[in-house]
Amino acid sequence: MSFTQQLHQAAQNIWQKSLVHPFITELQSGQLPLTKFRFYLLQDRYYLVEFSKFHHLLAEQAGNPQIKKFLLQSEADLRACEWSVRSDFFTGLKITPMEIRQTAVAPTAYNYVNHMYLTLERDGFAPAIAAIVPCYWLYQEIGQKLAKVGSPVALYQTWIDTYDSDWYEVNVTHILQLINILASQATATDRQMMQTAFIRSSYYELQFWQMAYAKERW
């Protein structure tokens, strides 16, 4: 069993809860209120900005030139692809720059981002890489599952298509290859920290759906 398979198995219970969360099931059925999707997009924007910065920070700390190149390319792909889709969503939902500036960061989004930075500072490079993997991999799994049926709402279908696309599959494949390489070079203690970081991020992914569904406030 590969290390990524071990991670997937360890987080399976949490991932299953994401797959059946009302935010996801209603997005597929078309019943998800646009106000909740709008809330999700605004919080996800904060997360993606930090996620992009975090890739750059990881690249600066990467000792291997190939890993550094991959992380910088992933950051570029994130900006070129996911940000492009999000920009269209924002335009369609009339989310303005002023609204973005005035939107407070919700507790879960704030805590998820802090978890990533704390993992890097406290546990090091490999666990920090493990902390970003669920964002890639879980979204792919959700996208592939929802794509089998689709959504009657065009906006939601575009969201699904993003994570069921060829370019996204390539990025997921590469990040999984990277985490397996890092695990093969890590001590047992480091691998445990990597798994802990992965599970915690998986938990925050689940909480992110609930945050949006409940329009979480402080």
N, C-alpha and C. Protein backbone atom coordinates (compact mmCIF):
# COMPACT_ATOMS: atom_id res chain seq x y z
N MET A 1 0.84 -1.19 0.00
CA MET A 1 0.00 0.00 0.00
C MET A 1 0.88 1.25 0.00
N SER A 2 0.61 2.16 -0.92
CA SER A 2 1.39 3.40 -0.98
C SER A 2 1.03 4.30 0.20
N PHE A 3 1.86 5.31 0.42
CA PHE A 3 1.59 6.23 1.52
C PHE A 3 0.30 7.01 1.28
N THR A 4 0.07 7.40 0.04
CA THR A 4 -1.17 8.14 -0.25
C THR A 4 -2.39 7.26 -0.04
N GLN A 5 -2.28 5.97 -0.32
CA GLN A 5 -3.39 5.06 -0.04
C GLN A 5 -3.64 4.96 1.46
N GLN A 6 -2.56 4.96 2.24
CA GLN A 6 -2.70 4.95 3.70
C GLN A 6 -3.41 6.22 4.18
N LEU A 7 -3.02 7.36 3.60
CA LEU A 7 -3.65 8.62 3.98
C LEU A 7 -5.14 8.61 3.65
N HIS A 8 -5.45 8.13 2.47
CA HIS A 8 -6.85 8.08 2.03
C HIS A 8 -7.67 7.20 2.96
N GLN A 9 -7.10 6.08 3.33
CA GLN A 9 -7.78 5.15 4.23
C GLN A 9 -7.98 5.78 5.61
N ALA A 10 -6.95 6.47 6.10
CA ALA A 10 -7.01 7.08 7.43
C ALA A 10 -8.07 8.18 7.51
N ALA A 11 -8.29 8.88 6.40
CA ALA A 11 -9.23 10.00 6.39
C ALA A 11 -10.58 9.64 5.77
N GLN A 12 -10.79 8.37 5.45
CA GLN A 12 -11.96 7.96 4.70
C GLN A 12 -13.27 8.37 5.37
N ASN A 13 -13.34 8.22 6.68
CA ASN A 13 -14.57 8.57 7.39
C ASN A 13 -14.90 10.05 7.24
N ILE A 14 -13.88 10.89 7.33
CA ILE A 14 -14.09 12.33 7.18
C ILE A 14 -14.47 12.67 5.74
N TRP A 15 -13.78 12.05 4.78
CA TRP A 15 -14.06 12.32 3.37
C TRP A 15 -15.49 11.90 3.01
N GLN A 16 -15.93 10.79 3.55
CA GLN A 16 -17.29 10.33 3.25
C GLN A 16 -18.31 11.35 3.73
N LYS A 17 -18.05 11.97 4.86
CA LYS A 17 -18.95 13.00 5.37
C LYS A 17 -18.97 14.22 4.45
N SER A 18 -17.83 14.53 3.83
CA SER A 18 -17.80 15.62 2.85
C SER A 18 -18.66 15.27 1.63
N LEU A 19 -18.54 14.03 1.18
CA LEU A 19 -19.26 13.61 -0.03
C LEU A 19 -20.77 13.68 0.13
N VAL A 20 -21.25 13.52 1.36
CA VAL A 20 -22.70 13.53 1.58
C VAL A 20 -23.16 14.78 2.34
N HIS A 21 -22.28 15.76 2.48
CA HIS A 21 -22.68 16.98 3.18
C HIS A 21 -23.77 17.70 2.36
N PRO A 22 -24.75 18.30 3.02
CA PRO A 22 -25.83 18.98 2.30
C PRO A 22 -25.34 20.03 1.29
N PHE A 23 -24.24 20.71 1.59
CA PHE A 23 -23.71 21.68 0.63
C PHE A 23 -23.40 20.99 -0.70
N ILE A 24 -22.82 19.81 -0.63
CA ILE A 24 -22.44 19.07 -1.84
C ILE A 24 -23.65 18.43 -2.50
N THR A 25 -24.49 17.77 -1.73
CA THR A 25 -25.65 17.08 -2.32
C THR A 25 -26.64 18.08 -2.92
N GLU A 26 -26.80 19.22 -2.27
CA GLU A 26 -27.72 20.24 -2.81
C GLU A 26 -27.11 20.97 -3.99
N LEU A 27 -25.79 21.10 -4.01
CA LEU A 27 -25.13 21.67 -5.18
C LEU A 27 -25.42 20.79 -6.40
N GLN A 28 -25.36 19.48 -6.20
CA GLN A 28 -25.62 18.56 -7.31
C GLN A 28 -27.09 18.59 -7.73
N SER A 29 -27.99 18.60 -6.76
CA SER A 29 -29.42 18.57 -7.08
C SER A 29 -29.93 19.91 -7.61
N GLY A 30 -29.14 20.96 -7.38
CA GLY A 30 -29.56 22.29 -7.80
C GLY A 30 -30.33 23.04 -6.74
N GLN A 31 -30.48 22.43 -5.56
CA GLN A 31 -31.28 23.03 -4.49
C GLN A 31 -30.47 23.93 -3.56
N LEU A 32 -29.15 23.97 -3.74
CA LEU A 32 -28.32 24.80 -2.87
C LEU A 32 -28.64 26.27 -3.12
N PRO A 33 -29.05 27.02 -2.10
CA PRO A 33 -29.34 28.44 -2.29
C PRO A 33 -28.09 29.19 -2.78
N LEU A 34 -28.28 30.09 -3.72
CA LEU A 34 -27.16 30.85 -4.25
C LEU A 34 -26.48 31.69 -3.17
N THR A 35 -27.23 32.08 -2.14
CA THR A 35 -26.63 32.86 -1.06
C THR A 35 -25.55 32.05 -0.35
N LYS A 36 -25.77 30.74 -0.23
CA LYS A 36 -24.78 29.89 0.44
C LYS A 36 -23.57 29.66 -0.47
N PHE A 37 -23.81 29.52 -1.76
CA PHE A 37 -22.70 29.35 -2.70
C PHE A 37 -21.89 30.65 -2.77
N ARG A 38 -22.58 31.75 -2.71
CA ARG A 38 -21.93 33.06 -2.71
C ARG A 38 -21.02 33.21 -1.49
N PHE A 39 -21.54 32.80 -0.33
CA PHE A 39 -20.76 32.86 0.90
C PHE A 39 -19.52 31.98 0.77
N TYR A 40 -19.72 30.79 0.21
CA TYR A 40 -18.60 29.87 -0.03
C TYR A 40 -17.54 30.52 -0.90
N LEU A 41 -17.94 31.15 -1.99
CA LEU A 41 -16.99 31.75 -2.92
C LEU A 41 -16.17 32.85 -2.25
N LEU A 42 -16.81 33.66 -1.44
CA LEU A 42 -16.09 34.75 -0.78
C LEU A 42 -15.06 34.21 0.22
N GLN A 43 -15.43 33.17 0.96
CA GLN A 43 -14.48 32.58 1.90
C GLN A 43 -13.41 31.78 1.17
N ASP A 44 -13.81 31.13 0.09
CA ASP A 44 -12.86 30.35 -0.69
C ASP A 44 -11.83 31.26 -1.35
N ARG A 45 -12.24 32.47 -1.68
CA ARG A 45 -11.29 33.42 -2.26
C ARG A 45 -10.17 33.72 -1.26
N TYR A 46 -10.55 33.98 -0.02
CA TYR A 46 -9.54 34.21 1.03
C TYR A 46 -8.62 33.00 1.14
N TYR A 47 -9.22 31.81 1.16
CA TYR A 47 -8.42 30.59 1.29
C TYR A 47 -7.47 30.43 0.10
N LEU A 48 -7.97 30.63 -1.11
CA LEU A 48 -7.14 30.41 -2.31
C LEU A 48 -6.00 31.43 -2.40
N VAL A 49 -6.24 32.65 -1.96
CA VAL A 49 -5.15 33.64 -1.93
C VAL A 49 -4.04 33.14 -1.02
N GLU A 50 -4.41 32.65 0.16
CA GLU A 50 -3.41 32.15 1.11
C GLU A 50 -2.80 30.83 0.63
N PHE A 51 -3.61 30.01 -0.01
CA PHE A 51 -3.14 28.73 -0.56
C PHE A 51 -2.06 28.98 -1.61
N SER A 52 -2.28 29.99 -2.43
CA SER A 52 -1.29 30.37 -3.44
C SER A 52 -0.01 30.88 -2.79
N LYS A 53 -0.14 31.76 -1.80
CA LYS A 53 1.03 32.26 -1.07
C LYS A 53 1.79 31.11 -0.40
N PHE A 54 1.04 30.16 0.11
CA PHE A 54 1.64 29.04 0.82
C PHE A 54 2.46 28.17 -0.14
N HIS A 55 1.98 27.99 -1.36
CA HIS A 55 2.76 27.27 -2.37
C HIS A 55 4.09 27.97 -2.61
N HIS A 56 4.04 29.29 -2.70
CA HIS A 56 5.25 30.06 -2.95
C HIS A 56 6.22 29.93 -1.77
N LEU A 57 5.69 29.97 -0.57
CA LEU A 57 6.51 29.82 0.63
C LEU A 57 7.15 28.43 0.68
N LEU A 58 6.37 27.41 0.35
CA LEU A 58 6.91 26.05 0.30
C LEU A 58 8.00 25.93 -0.76
N ALA A 59 7.78 26.57 -1.90
CA ALA A 59 8.78 26.52 -2.98
C ALA A 59 10.10 27.14 -2.52
N GLU A 60 10.01 28.21 -1.75
CA GLU A 60 11.23 28.86 -1.24
C GLU A 60 12.00 27.95 -0.30
N GLN A 61 11.29 27.05 0.37
CA GLN A 61 11.94 26.17 1.35
C GLN A 61 12.29 24.80 0.78
N ALA A 62 11.90 24.56 -0.46
CA ALA A 62 12.18 23.26 -1.08
C ALA A 62 13.67 23.13 -1.40
N GLY A 63 14.28 22.07 -0.93
CA GLY A 63 15.70 21.85 -1.21
C GLY A 63 15.95 21.26 -2.58
N ASN A 64 14.93 20.60 -3.12
CA ASN A 64 15.03 19.94 -4.42
C ASN A 64 14.53 20.89 -5.52
N PRO A 65 15.35 21.17 -6.54
CA PRO A 65 14.94 22.09 -7.61
C PRO A 65 13.67 21.64 -8.34
N GLN A 66 13.50 20.32 -8.51
CA GLN A 66 12.31 19.81 -9.20
C GLN A 66 11.06 20.04 -8.38
N ILE A 67 11.17 19.87 -7.07
CA ILE A 67 10.03 20.11 -6.20
C ILE A 67 9.68 21.59 -6.20
N LYS A 68 10.71 22.43 -6.15
CA LYS A 68 10.48 23.88 -6.20
C LYS A 68 9.77 24.26 -7.49
N LYS A 69 10.23 23.71 -8.61
CA LYS A 69 9.61 23.99 -9.91
C LYS A 69 8.15 23.56 -9.92
N PHE A 70 7.89 22.37 -9.37
CA PHE A 70 6.51 21.86 -9.34
C PHE A 70 5.60 22.77 -8.53
N LEU A 71 6.07 23.21 -7.36
CA LEU A 71 5.24 24.05 -6.50
C LEU A 71 4.95 25.40 -7.14
N LEU A 72 5.95 25.97 -7.80
CA LEU A 72 5.73 27.25 -8.48
C LEU A 72 4.80 27.09 -9.67
N GLN A 73 4.92 25.95 -10.37
CA GLN A 73 4.03 25.68 -11.50
C GLN A 73 2.60 25.47 -11.00
N SER A 74 2.46 24.79 -9.87
CA SER A 74 1.14 24.57 -9.29
C SER A 74 0.49 25.89 -8.92
N GLU A 75 1.30 26.79 -8.36
CA GLU A 75 0.79 28.12 -8.02
C GLU A 75 0.33 28.85 -9.28
N ALA A 76 1.12 28.74 -10.35
CA ALA A 76 0.76 29.40 -11.61
C ALA A 76 -0.52 28.80 -12.19
N ASP A 77 -0.63 27.46 -12.14
CA ASP A 77 -1.83 26.79 -12.65
C ASP A 77 -3.06 27.20 -11.85
N LEU A 78 -2.87 27.33 -10.54
CA LEU A 78 -3.97 27.74 -9.67
C LEU A 78 -4.49 29.11 -10.09
N ARG A 79 -3.57 30.02 -10.35
CA ARG A 79 -3.96 31.37 -10.75
C ARG A 79 -4.61 31.37 -12.13
N ALA A 80 -4.06 30.57 -13.04
CA ALA A 80 -4.54 30.59 -14.42
C ALA A 80 -5.89 29.89 -14.58
N CYS A 81 -6.12 28.84 -13.83
CA CYS A 81 -7.31 28.01 -14.04
C CYS A 81 -8.39 28.25 -13.00
N GLU A 82 -8.11 27.90 -11.75
CA GLU A 82 -9.14 28.06 -10.72
C GLU A 82 -9.55 29.52 -10.57
N TRP A 83 -8.56 30.43 -10.61
CA TRP A 83 -8.88 31.84 -10.44
C TRP A 83 -9.72 32.36 -11.60
N SER A 84 -9.47 31.82 -12.79
CA SER A 84 -10.26 32.23 -13.95
C SER A 84 -11.72 31.84 -13.78
N VAL A 85 -11.95 30.60 -13.32
CA VAL A 85 -13.31 30.14 -13.08
C VAL A 85 -13.97 30.97 -11.99
N ARG A 86 -13.23 31.22 -10.91
CA ARG A 86 -13.79 32.00 -9.80
C ARG A 86 -14.14 33.42 -10.27
N SER A 87 -13.31 33.98 -11.13
CA SER A 87 -13.58 35.33 -11.64
C SER A 87 -14.91 35.37 -12.39
N ASP A 88 -15.17 34.34 -13.18
CA ASP A 88 -16.45 34.25 -13.89
C ASP A 88 -17.62 34.13 -12.91
N PHE A 89 -17.41 33.34 -11.86
CA PHE A 89 -18.45 33.20 -10.84
C PHE A 89 -18.75 34.55 -10.19
N PHE A 90 -17.69 35.27 -9.84
CA PHE A 90 -17.86 36.55 -9.18
C PHE A 90 -18.60 37.54 -10.08
N THR A 91 -18.26 37.52 -11.35
CA THR A 91 -18.94 38.41 -12.30
C THR A 91 -20.42 38.04 -12.40
N GLY A 92 -20.69 36.75 -12.54
CA GLY A 92 -22.07 36.28 -12.67
C GLY A 92 -22.92 36.57 -11.45
N LEU A 93 -22.31 36.52 -10.28
CA LEU A 93 -23.05 36.75 -9.04
C LEU A 93 -22.92 38.19 -8.54
N LYS A 94 -22.29 39.03 -9.38
CA LYS A 94 -22.14 40.46 -9.06
C LYS A 94 -21.43 40.68 -7.71
N ILE A 95 -20.39 39.90 -7.48
CA ILE A 95 -19.56 40.08 -6.29
C ILE A 95 -18.50 41.12 -6.64
N THR A 96 -18.53 42.25 -5.99
CA THR A 96 -17.67 43.37 -6.34
C THR A 96 -16.38 43.37 -5.50
N PRO A 97 -15.35 44.08 -5.98
CA PRO A 97 -14.13 44.22 -5.19
C PRO A 97 -14.39 44.81 -3.81
N MET A 98 -15.33 45.75 -3.73
CA MET A 98 -15.65 46.35 -2.44
C MET A 98 -16.25 45.31 -1.49
N GLU A 99 -17.13 44.47 -2.02
CA GLU A 99 -17.72 43.42 -1.18
C GLU A 99 -16.66 42.45 -0.69
N ILE A 100 -15.72 42.14 -1.55
CA ILE A 100 -14.62 41.25 -1.17
C ILE A 100 -13.83 41.86 -0.02
N ARG A 101 -13.52 43.15 -0.14
CA ARG A 101 -12.74 43.83 0.89
C ARG A 101 -13.49 43.90 2.22
N GLN A 102 -14.81 44.03 2.13
CA GLN A 102 -15.61 44.22 3.33
C GLN A 102 -16.05 42.92 3.98
N THR A 103 -15.81 41.80 3.32
CA THR A 103 -16.24 40.50 3.86
C THR A 103 -15.27 40.01 4.92
N ALA A 104 -15.79 39.76 6.10
CA ALA A 104 -14.96 39.23 7.19
C ALA A 104 -14.63 37.77 6.94
N VAL A 105 -13.44 37.37 7.31
CA VAL A 105 -13.04 35.97 7.19
C VAL A 105 -13.79 35.16 8.24
N ALA A 106 -14.44 34.09 7.82
CA ALA A 106 -15.19 33.23 8.74
C ALA A 106 -14.22 32.40 9.59
N PRO A 107 -14.66 31.96 10.76
CA PRO A 107 -13.77 31.21 11.66
C PRO A 107 -13.11 30.00 11.02
N THR A 108 -13.87 29.19 10.29
CA THR A 108 -13.29 27.97 9.71
C THR A 108 -12.23 28.30 8.67
N ALA A 109 -12.50 29.26 7.80
CA ALA A 109 -11.51 29.65 6.80
C ALA A 109 -10.24 30.17 7.47
N TYR A 110 -10.42 30.96 8.50
CA TYR A 110 -9.29 31.51 9.26
C TYR A 110 -8.48 30.39 9.90
N ASN A 111 -9.16 29.45 10.53
CA ASN A 111 -8.47 28.36 11.21
C ASN A 111 -7.78 27.41 10.24
N TYR A 112 -8.39 27.15 9.10
CA TYR A 112 -7.79 26.25 8.11
C TYR A 112 -6.47 26.83 7.61
N VAL A 113 -6.48 28.09 7.27
CA VAL A 113 -5.25 28.73 6.79
C VAL A 113 -4.18 28.74 7.88
N ASN A 114 -4.57 29.06 9.09
CA ASN A 114 -3.61 29.06 10.20
C ASN A 114 -3.02 27.67 10.43
N HIS A 115 -3.84 26.66 10.27
CA HIS A 115 -3.36 25.27 10.40
C HIS A 115 -2.23 24.98 9.42
N MET A 116 -2.35 25.44 8.18
CA MET A 116 -1.30 25.18 7.19
C MET A 116 0.01 25.86 7.58
N TYR A 117 -0.08 27.13 7.94
CA TYR A 117 1.13 27.86 8.30
C TYR A 117 1.76 27.30 9.58
N LEU A 118 0.94 26.94 10.54
CA LEU A 118 1.46 26.38 11.79
C LEU A 118 2.14 25.04 11.54
N THR A 119 1.57 24.24 10.65
CA THR A 119 2.18 22.94 10.33
C THR A 119 3.57 23.13 9.75
N LEU A 120 3.73 24.09 8.85
CA LEU A 120 5.04 24.34 8.27
C LEU A 120 6.02 24.83 9.33
N GLU A 121 5.58 25.76 10.17
CA GLU A 121 6.46 26.33 11.18
C GLU A 121 6.85 25.31 12.24
N ARG A 122 5.91 24.49 12.66
CA ARG A 122 6.14 23.58 13.78
C ARG A 122 6.70 22.23 13.35
N ASP A 123 6.15 21.68 12.24
CA ASP A 123 6.48 20.31 11.85
C ASP A 123 7.40 20.20 10.65
N GLY A 124 7.47 21.25 9.83
CA GLY A 124 8.40 21.23 8.71
C GLY A 124 7.78 21.03 7.35
N PHE A 125 8.64 20.86 6.37
CA PHE A 125 8.26 20.89 4.96
C PHE A 125 7.32 19.75 4.56
N ALA A 126 7.69 18.51 4.83
CA ALA A 126 6.89 17.37 4.37
C ALA A 126 5.48 17.36 4.97
N PRO A 127 5.32 17.57 6.28
CA PRO A 127 3.97 17.65 6.81
C PRO A 127 3.16 18.81 6.22
N ALA A 128 3.84 19.92 5.91
CA ALA A 128 3.14 21.06 5.30
C ALA A 128 2.64 20.71 3.90
N ILE A 129 3.43 19.93 3.15
CA ILE A 129 2.96 19.45 1.85
C ILE A 129 1.74 18.56 2.04
N ALA A 130 1.80 17.68 3.04
CA ALA A 130 0.66 16.80 3.32
C ALA A 130 -0.59 17.60 3.66
N ALA A 131 -0.39 18.76 4.28
CA ALA A 131 -1.53 19.60 4.68
C ALA A 131 -2.27 20.19 3.49
N ILE A 132 -1.60 20.33 2.33
CA ILE A 132 -2.28 20.92 1.17
C ILE A 132 -2.90 19.86 0.26
N VAL A 133 -2.57 18.59 0.49
CA VAL A 133 -3.03 17.53 -0.41
C VAL A 133 -4.55 17.36 -0.41
N PRO A 134 -5.25 17.38 0.73
CA PRO A 134 -6.70 17.19 0.68
C PRO A 134 -7.43 18.20 -0.19
N CYS A 135 -6.96 19.43 -0.22
CA CYS A 135 -7.60 20.44 -1.06
C CYS A 135 -7.59 20.02 -2.53
N TYR A 136 -6.49 19.45 -2.96
CA TYR A 136 -6.41 18.93 -4.33
C TYR A 136 -7.27 17.67 -4.50
N TRP A 137 -6.98 16.70 -3.68
CA TRP A 137 -7.46 15.34 -3.89
C TRP A 137 -8.94 15.18 -3.58
N LEU A 138 -9.41 15.75 -2.47
CA LEU A 138 -10.82 15.64 -2.12
C LEU A 138 -11.70 16.33 -3.15
N TYR A 139 -11.27 17.49 -3.63
CA TYR A 139 -12.05 18.19 -4.65
C TYR A 139 -12.15 17.36 -5.92
N GLN A 140 -11.07 16.66 -6.27
CA GLN A 140 -11.14 15.79 -7.45
C GLN A 140 -12.15 14.67 -7.22
N GLU A 141 -12.11 14.07 -6.05
CA GLU A 141 -13.02 12.96 -5.76
C GLU A 141 -14.47 13.44 -5.79
N ILE A 142 -14.72 14.61 -5.24
CA ILE A 142 -16.07 15.17 -5.26
C ILE A 142 -16.48 15.50 -6.69
N GLY A 143 -15.58 16.13 -7.45
CA GLY A 143 -15.89 16.48 -8.83
C GLY A 143 -16.20 15.27 -9.68
N GLN A 144 -15.42 14.22 -9.53
CA GLN A 144 -15.64 12.99 -10.31
C GLN A 144 -16.96 12.33 -9.93
N LYS A 145 -17.29 12.35 -8.65
CA LYS A 145 -18.55 11.74 -8.19
C LYS A 145 -19.74 12.53 -8.71
N LEU A 146 -19.70 13.85 -8.58
CA LEU A 146 -20.83 14.67 -9.01
C LEU A 146 -20.99 14.69 -10.52
N ALA A 147 -19.88 14.54 -11.24
CA ALA A 147 -19.92 14.59 -12.71
C ALA A 147 -20.73 13.43 -13.30
N LYS A 148 -20.87 12.36 -12.55
CA LYS A 148 -21.62 11.20 -13.05
C LYS A 148 -23.10 11.53 -13.25
N VAL A 149 -23.59 12.50 -12.48
CA VAL A 149 -24.99 12.91 -12.58
C VAL A 149 -25.11 14.34 -13.10
N GLY A 150 -24.22 15.21 -12.61
CA GLY A 150 -24.26 16.61 -13.01
C GLY A 150 -25.22 17.41 -12.14
N SER A 151 -25.32 18.70 -12.44
CA SER A 151 -26.23 19.59 -11.72
C SER A 151 -27.07 20.36 -12.73
N PRO A 152 -28.35 20.58 -12.43
CA PRO A 152 -29.20 21.34 -13.35
C PRO A 152 -28.90 22.84 -13.36
N VAL A 153 -28.11 23.30 -12.40
CA VAL A 153 -27.74 24.72 -12.33
C VAL A 153 -26.40 24.91 -13.03
N ALA A 154 -26.38 25.74 -14.06
CA ALA A 154 -25.18 25.91 -14.89
C ALA A 154 -23.97 26.33 -14.06
N LEU A 155 -24.18 27.22 -13.12
CA LEU A 155 -23.09 27.70 -12.27
C LEU A 155 -22.46 26.55 -11.49
N TYR A 156 -23.31 25.70 -10.94
CA TYR A 156 -22.82 24.57 -10.15
C TYR A 156 -22.16 23.52 -11.05
N GLN A 157 -22.69 23.37 -12.25
CA GLN A 157 -22.09 22.42 -13.19
C GLN A 157 -20.68 22.87 -13.58
N THR A 158 -20.49 24.16 -13.75
CA THR A 158 -19.15 24.67 -14.06
C THR A 158 -18.19 24.37 -12.92
N TRP A 159 -18.66 24.52 -11.69
CA TRP A 159 -17.84 24.19 -10.51
C TRP A 159 -17.45 22.72 -10.54
N ILE A 160 -18.41 21.86 -10.82
CA ILE A 160 -18.15 20.41 -10.90
C ILE A 160 -17.14 20.12 -12.00
N ASP A 161 -17.34 20.71 -13.16
CA ASP A 161 -16.46 20.45 -14.31
C ASP A 161 -15.01 20.84 -14.02
N THR A 162 -14.82 21.87 -13.22
CA THR A 162 -13.47 22.32 -12.88
C THR A 162 -12.66 21.20 -12.24
N TYR A 163 -13.31 20.42 -11.38
CA TYR A 163 -12.60 19.39 -10.62
C TYR A 163 -12.72 18.00 -11.24
N ASP A 164 -13.37 17.96 -12.40
CA ASP A 164 -13.42 16.72 -13.18
C ASP A 164 -12.71 16.91 -14.52
N SER A 165 -11.77 17.85 -14.55
CA SER A 165 -11.09 18.20 -15.80
C SER A 165 -9.73 17.51 -15.90
N ASP A 166 -9.22 17.46 -17.12
CA ASP A 166 -7.92 16.81 -17.36
C ASP A 166 -6.79 17.56 -16.67
N TRP A 167 -6.80 18.91 -16.77
CA TRP A 167 -5.71 19.68 -16.16
C TRP A 167 -5.69 19.51 -14.66
N TYR A 168 -6.89 19.38 -14.07
CA TYR A 168 -6.93 19.21 -12.62
C TYR A 168 -6.42 17.82 -12.22
N GLU A 169 -6.75 16.82 -13.01
CA GLU A 169 -6.27 15.46 -12.74
C GLU A 169 -4.74 15.40 -12.78
N VAL A 170 -4.13 16.12 -13.72
CA VAL A 170 -2.67 16.15 -13.81
C VAL A 170 -2.07 16.74 -12.54
N ASN A 171 -2.64 17.83 -12.05
CA ASN A 171 -2.14 18.45 -10.82
C ASN A 171 -2.26 17.53 -9.62
N VAL A 172 -3.39 16.84 -9.53
CA VAL A 172 -3.59 15.91 -8.41
C VAL A 172 -2.59 14.76 -8.49
N THR A 173 -2.40 14.22 -9.67
CA THR A 173 -1.44 13.12 -9.85
C THR A 173 -0.05 13.54 -9.41
N HIS A 174 0.35 14.74 -9.76
CA HIS A 174 1.69 15.23 -9.41
C HIS A 174 1.85 15.44 -7.91
N ILE A 175 0.83 15.99 -7.26
CA ILE A 175 0.95 16.23 -5.81
C ILE A 175 0.97 14.91 -5.05
N LEU A 176 0.25 13.90 -5.55
CA LEU A 176 0.26 12.59 -4.91
C LEU A 176 1.61 11.90 -5.10
N GLN A 177 2.19 12.06 -6.27
CA GLN A 177 3.53 11.52 -6.51
C GLN A 177 4.54 12.17 -5.58
N LEU A 178 4.41 13.48 -5.40
CA LEU A 178 5.33 14.20 -4.52
C LEU A 178 5.23 13.72 -3.08
N ILE A 179 4.02 13.56 -2.59
CA ILE A 179 3.86 13.16 -1.19
C ILE A 179 4.38 11.74 -0.97
N ASN A 180 4.24 10.88 -1.97
CA ASN A 180 4.80 9.53 -1.85
C ASN A 180 6.32 9.56 -1.81
N ILE A 181 6.92 10.42 -2.61
CA ILE A 181 8.38 10.56 -2.61
C ILE A 181 8.86 11.08 -1.26
N LEU A 182 8.20 12.11 -0.76
CA LEU A 182 8.59 12.67 0.53
C LEU A 182 8.44 11.65 1.65
N ALA A 183 7.38 10.86 1.59
CA ALA A 183 7.16 9.84 2.62
C ALA A 183 8.24 8.77 2.58
N SER A 184 8.70 8.43 1.37
CA SER A 184 9.73 7.39 1.24
C SER A 184 11.06 7.84 1.82
N GLN A 185 11.24 9.15 1.93
CA GLN A 185 12.49 9.70 2.46
C GLN A 185 12.36 10.13 3.92
N ALA A 186 11.18 9.98 4.49
CA ALA A 186 10.91 10.48 5.83
C ALA A 186 11.08 9.39 6.89
N THR A 187 11.29 9.84 8.11
CA THR A 187 11.33 8.92 9.25
C THR A 187 9.90 8.53 9.62
N ALA A 188 9.76 7.53 10.45
CA ALA A 188 8.43 7.10 10.90
C ALA A 188 7.72 8.24 11.63
N THR A 189 8.48 9.00 12.40
CA THR A 189 7.90 10.14 13.12
C THR A 189 7.39 11.20 12.15
N ASP A 190 8.18 11.48 11.12
CA ASP A 190 7.76 12.47 10.12
C ASP A 190 6.53 11.99 9.35
N ARG A 191 6.49 10.70 9.03
CA ARG A 191 5.33 10.17 8.31
C ARG A 191 4.06 10.29 9.17
N GLN A 192 4.21 10.09 10.46
CA GLN A 192 3.05 10.25 11.35
C GLN A 192 2.59 11.71 11.37
N MET A 193 3.53 12.64 11.39
CA MET A 193 3.17 14.06 11.36
C MET A 193 2.51 14.41 10.03
N MET A 194 2.97 13.80 8.94
CA MET A 194 2.36 14.02 7.63
C MET A 194 0.91 13.53 7.64
N GLN A 195 0.70 12.36 8.22
CA GLN A 195 -0.66 11.82 8.27
C GLN A 195 -1.57 12.69 9.14
N THR A 196 -1.04 13.15 10.26
CA THR A 196 -1.82 14.02 11.14
C THR A 196 -2.21 15.31 10.42
N ALA A 197 -1.27 15.90 9.70
CA ALA A 197 -1.56 17.13 8.95
C ALA A 197 -2.61 16.89 7.88
N PHE A 198 -2.52 15.75 7.21
CA PHE A 198 -3.48 15.38 6.17
C PHE A 198 -4.88 15.23 6.76
N ILE A 199 -4.98 14.53 7.87
CA ILE A 199 -6.28 14.30 8.50
C ILE A 199 -6.88 15.62 8.99
N ARG A 200 -6.06 16.47 9.57
CA ARG A 200 -6.56 17.76 10.05
C ARG A 200 -7.07 18.62 8.89
N SER A 201 -6.35 18.63 7.78
CA SER A 201 -6.82 19.38 6.61
C SER A 201 -8.11 18.78 6.07
N SER A 202 -8.21 17.46 6.10
CA SER A 202 -9.44 16.80 5.66
C SER A 202 -10.62 17.23 6.53
N TYR A 203 -10.36 17.35 7.82
CA TYR A 203 -11.39 17.82 8.75
C TYR A 203 -11.80 19.26 8.41
N TYR A 204 -10.82 20.11 8.14
CA TYR A 204 -11.15 21.49 7.80
C TYR A 204 -11.89 21.60 6.48
N GLU A 205 -11.59 20.70 5.53
CA GLU A 205 -12.36 20.68 4.28
C GLU A 205 -13.83 20.39 4.57
N LEU A 206 -14.07 19.41 5.44
CA LEU A 206 -15.44 19.09 5.83
C LEU A 206 -16.10 20.29 6.50
N GLN A 207 -15.38 20.92 7.40
CA GLN A 207 -15.94 22.07 8.11
C GLN A 207 -16.18 23.26 7.18
N PHE A 208 -15.41 23.33 6.08
CA PHE A 208 -15.58 24.43 5.13
C PHE A 208 -16.97 24.37 4.48
N TRP A 209 -17.43 23.15 4.17
CA TRP A 209 -18.79 23.01 3.60
C TRP A 209 -19.82 23.49 4.62
N GLN A 210 -19.63 23.07 5.87
CA GLN A 210 -20.58 23.46 6.92
C GLN A 210 -20.53 24.96 7.18
N MET A 211 -19.33 25.52 7.13
CA MET A 211 -19.17 26.97 7.28
C MET A 211 -20.01 27.71 6.25
N ALA A 212 -19.92 27.27 4.99
CA ALA A 212 -20.67 27.93 3.92
C ALA A 212 -22.16 27.68 4.06
N TYR A 213 -22.51 26.46 4.41
CA TYR A 213 -23.93 26.09 4.50
C TYR A 213 -24.63 26.87 5.61
N ALA A 214 -23.92 27.07 6.71
CA ALA A 214 -24.49 27.80 7.85
C ALA A 214 -24.21 29.29 7.79
N LYS A 215 -23.43 29.72 6.79
CA LYS A 215 -22.97 31.11 6.69
C LYS A 215 -22.38 31.56 8.04
N GLU A 216 -21.36 30.83 8.41
CA GLU A 216 -20.74 30.93 9.73
C GLU A 216 -20.24 32.35 10.03
N ARG A 217 -20.49 32.77 11.25
CA ARG A 217 -20.01 34.07 11.73
C ARG A 217 -19.25 33.88 13.04
N TRP A 218 -18.53 34.91 13.42
CA TRP A 218 -17.85 34.89 14.72
C TRP A 218 -18.88 35.11 15.82
